[in-house]
Each structure stands twice: as C-alpha cells, then as structure tokens.
C-alpha cells in the first residue's frame, strides 16, 4: 500500500494519514453518487408531473368530447323525429288537392341538404 502511495506522490504519508485520505476519497465518491441520484430522481419527478398533467388534459378533453357526442346524438334523434313528422305530414297532405307539395319536392330538398 505504501508503495502505491509513494508512486502517486504521497510517500511521506503514514498509515493513519493514508486511512484518512482513503476515507475522504470514499466520502467524495459517495457524495457524488448521492448527488447524481438526487439529480436523476428530480428529473424523474419532473417527468412524472408532466405526464400527470398531460393525463389530466386528456381526461378533460375526453369528457368534453363525450359531451359533444351526446349533443350530436340528441341532434340526430331530433332530426330523425322531425323528418318522420314531415313524412307523416306529406303523407297526410298528399291526397289533399290544395297542397302543392309532393313527396318528390321533399325528397329533392333533402337531397340538396345532404349534398356535399
């Protein structure tokens, strides 16, 4: 051990000094390892916070989309009911000579409304 210490320039250091130096080196290595570990855990904690915020935004967007889907489905049901009522009205008025609308008129309007 002394030969190694003499080679690195510490020839005048005794056994007690070498032990102190070794303990100091180990403390520096442990402190560097602990600092690295704390730094990496901070980075991981920040990533976790970012991902949690992203998940929260996605959940809010999904809830908003569900509300839009419910409204669209309600509108579709209302449109179907209105179309059904209109067909019933046309059927009832088709035999009446005073009504100028025929099924072809209504179908033409619907085709115009559904065109791209």
Protein backbone atom coordinates (compact mmCIF):
# COMPACT_ATOMS: atom_id res chain seq x y z
CA UNK A 1 0.00 0.00 0.00
CA UNK A 2 2.81 2.35 0.90
CA UNK A 3 4.46 1.64 -2.44
CA UNK A 4 1.31 2.74 -4.25
CA UNK A 5 1.08 5.90 -2.15
CA UNK A 6 4.76 6.62 -2.79
CA UNK A 7 4.22 6.31 -6.54
CA UNK A 8 1.41 8.86 -6.58
CA UNK A 9 3.47 11.35 -4.61
CA UNK A 10 2.31 10.66 -1.10
CA UNK A 11 5.46 8.97 0.18
CA UNK A 12 5.59 10.93 3.43
CA UNK A 13 2.06 10.00 4.47
CA UNK A 14 1.75 7.48 7.26
CA UNK A 15 -0.74 4.70 7.68
CA UNK A 16 -3.11 6.92 9.66
CA UNK A 17 -2.91 9.65 7.00
CA UNK A 18 -3.48 7.12 4.22
CA UNK A 19 -6.57 5.80 6.00
CA UNK A 20 -7.88 9.34 6.41
CA UNK A 21 -7.21 10.03 2.73
CA UNK A 22 -8.98 6.80 1.75
CA UNK A 23 -11.98 7.70 3.91
CA UNK A 24 -12.07 11.17 2.38
CA UNK A 25 -11.97 9.71 -1.15
CA UNK A 26 -14.76 7.29 -0.30
CA UNK A 27 -16.82 10.15 1.15
CA UNK A 28 -16.31 12.18 -2.04
CA UNK A 29 -17.33 9.21 -4.19
CA UNK A 30 -20.42 8.56 -2.04
CA UNK A 31 -21.36 12.26 -2.08
CA UNK A 32 -21.02 12.38 -5.87
CA UNK A 33 -23.14 9.24 -6.18
CA UNK A 34 -25.78 10.66 -3.86
CA UNK A 35 -25.84 13.98 -5.75
CA UNK A 36 -26.26 12.12 -9.04
CA UNK A 37 -29.04 10.00 -7.55
CA UNK A 38 -30.85 13.10 -6.25
CA UNK A 39 -30.46 14.88 -9.59
CA UNK A 40 -31.87 11.91 -11.51
CA UNK A 41 -34.75 11.50 -9.06
CA UNK A 42 -35.57 15.19 -9.57
CA UNK A 43 -35.60 14.70 -13.34
CA UNK A 44 -37.86 11.65 -12.98
CA UNK A 45 -40.18 13.52 -10.62
CA UNK A 46 -40.50 16.35 -13.15
CA UNK A 47 -41.30 13.85 -15.91
CA UNK A 48 -43.94 12.26 -13.69
CA UNK A 49 -45.52 15.68 -13.04
CA UNK A 50 -45.51 16.45 -16.76
CA UNK A 51 -47.11 13.11 -17.60
CA UNK A 52 -49.74 13.55 -14.88
CA UNK A 53 -50.62 16.99 -16.29
CA UNK A 54 -50.87 15.50 -19.77
CA UNK A 55 -53.14 12.73 -18.49
CA UNK A 56 -55.35 15.31 -16.78
CA UNK A 57 -55.64 17.32 -20.02
CA UNK A 58 -56.51 14.17 -21.98
CA UNK A 59 -59.20 13.22 -19.44
CA UNK A 60 -60.71 16.70 -19.69
CA UNK A 61 -60.66 16.51 -23.49
CA UNK A 62 -62.37 13.10 -23.38
CA UNK A 63 -65.09 14.46 -21.11
CA UNK A 64 -65.61 17.40 -23.46
CA UNK A 65 -65.76 15.02 -26.42
CA UNK A 66 -68.34 12.87 -24.64
CA UNK A 67 -70.49 15.95 -24.09
CA UNK A 68 -70.20 16.88 -27.78
CA UNK A 69 -71.07 13.31 -28.79
CA UNK A 70 -74.16 13.35 -26.54
CA UNK A 71 -75.28 16.65 -28.07
CA UNK A 72 -74.69 15.34 -31.60
CA UNK A 73 -76.67 12.18 -30.85
CA UNK A 74 -79.53 14.26 -29.43
CA UNK A 75 -79.47 16.47 -32.53
CA UNK A 76 -79.53 13.39 -34.77
CA UNK A 77 -82.52 11.99 -32.86
CA UNK A 78 -84.33 15.32 -33.14
CA UNK A 79 -83.60 15.48 -36.88
CA UNK A 80 -84.91 11.95 -37.36
CA UNK A 81 -88.07 12.78 -35.42
CA UNK A 82 -88.55 15.95 -37.47
CA UNK A 83 -88.06 14.03 -40.72
CA UNK A 84 -90.55 11.40 -39.57
CA UNK A 85 -93.10 14.08 -38.71
CA UNK A 86 -92.54 15.75 -42.07
CA UNK A 87 -93.10 12.45 -43.89
CA UNK A 88 -96.31 11.91 -41.94
CA UNK A 89 -97.44 15.41 -42.85
CA UNK A 90 -96.64 14.87 -46.53
CA UNK A 91 -98.47 11.54 -46.47
CA UNK A 92 -101.49 13.19 -44.87
CA UNK A 93 -101.48 16.12 -47.28
CA UNK A 94 -100.64 14.10 -50.40
CA UNK A 95 -104.28 13.32 -51.02
CA UNK A 96 -105.33 16.91 -50.41
CA UNK A 97 -105.55 18.78 -53.73
CA UNK A 98 -104.96 22.17 -52.10
CA UNK A 99 -101.36 21.21 -51.04
CA UNK A 100 -98.85 21.78 -53.86
CA UNK A 101 -96.05 19.75 -52.15
CA UNK A 102 -95.45 16.20 -53.24
CA UNK A 103 -93.01 13.58 -51.98
CA UNK A 104 -90.70 14.44 -54.89
CA UNK A 105 -90.48 18.03 -53.65
CA UNK A 106 -89.48 16.93 -50.16
CA UNK A 107 -87.02 14.32 -51.47
CA UNK A 108 -85.44 16.99 -53.68
CA UNK A 109 -84.98 19.34 -50.72
CA UNK A 110 -83.47 16.53 -48.65
CA UNK A 111 -81.04 15.66 -51.46
CA UNK A 112 -79.96 19.31 -51.65
CA UNK A 113 -79.47 19.42 -47.86
CA UNK A 114 -77.40 16.20 -47.89
CA UNK A 115 -75.26 17.13 -50.88
CA UNK A 116 -71.54 17.77 -50.22
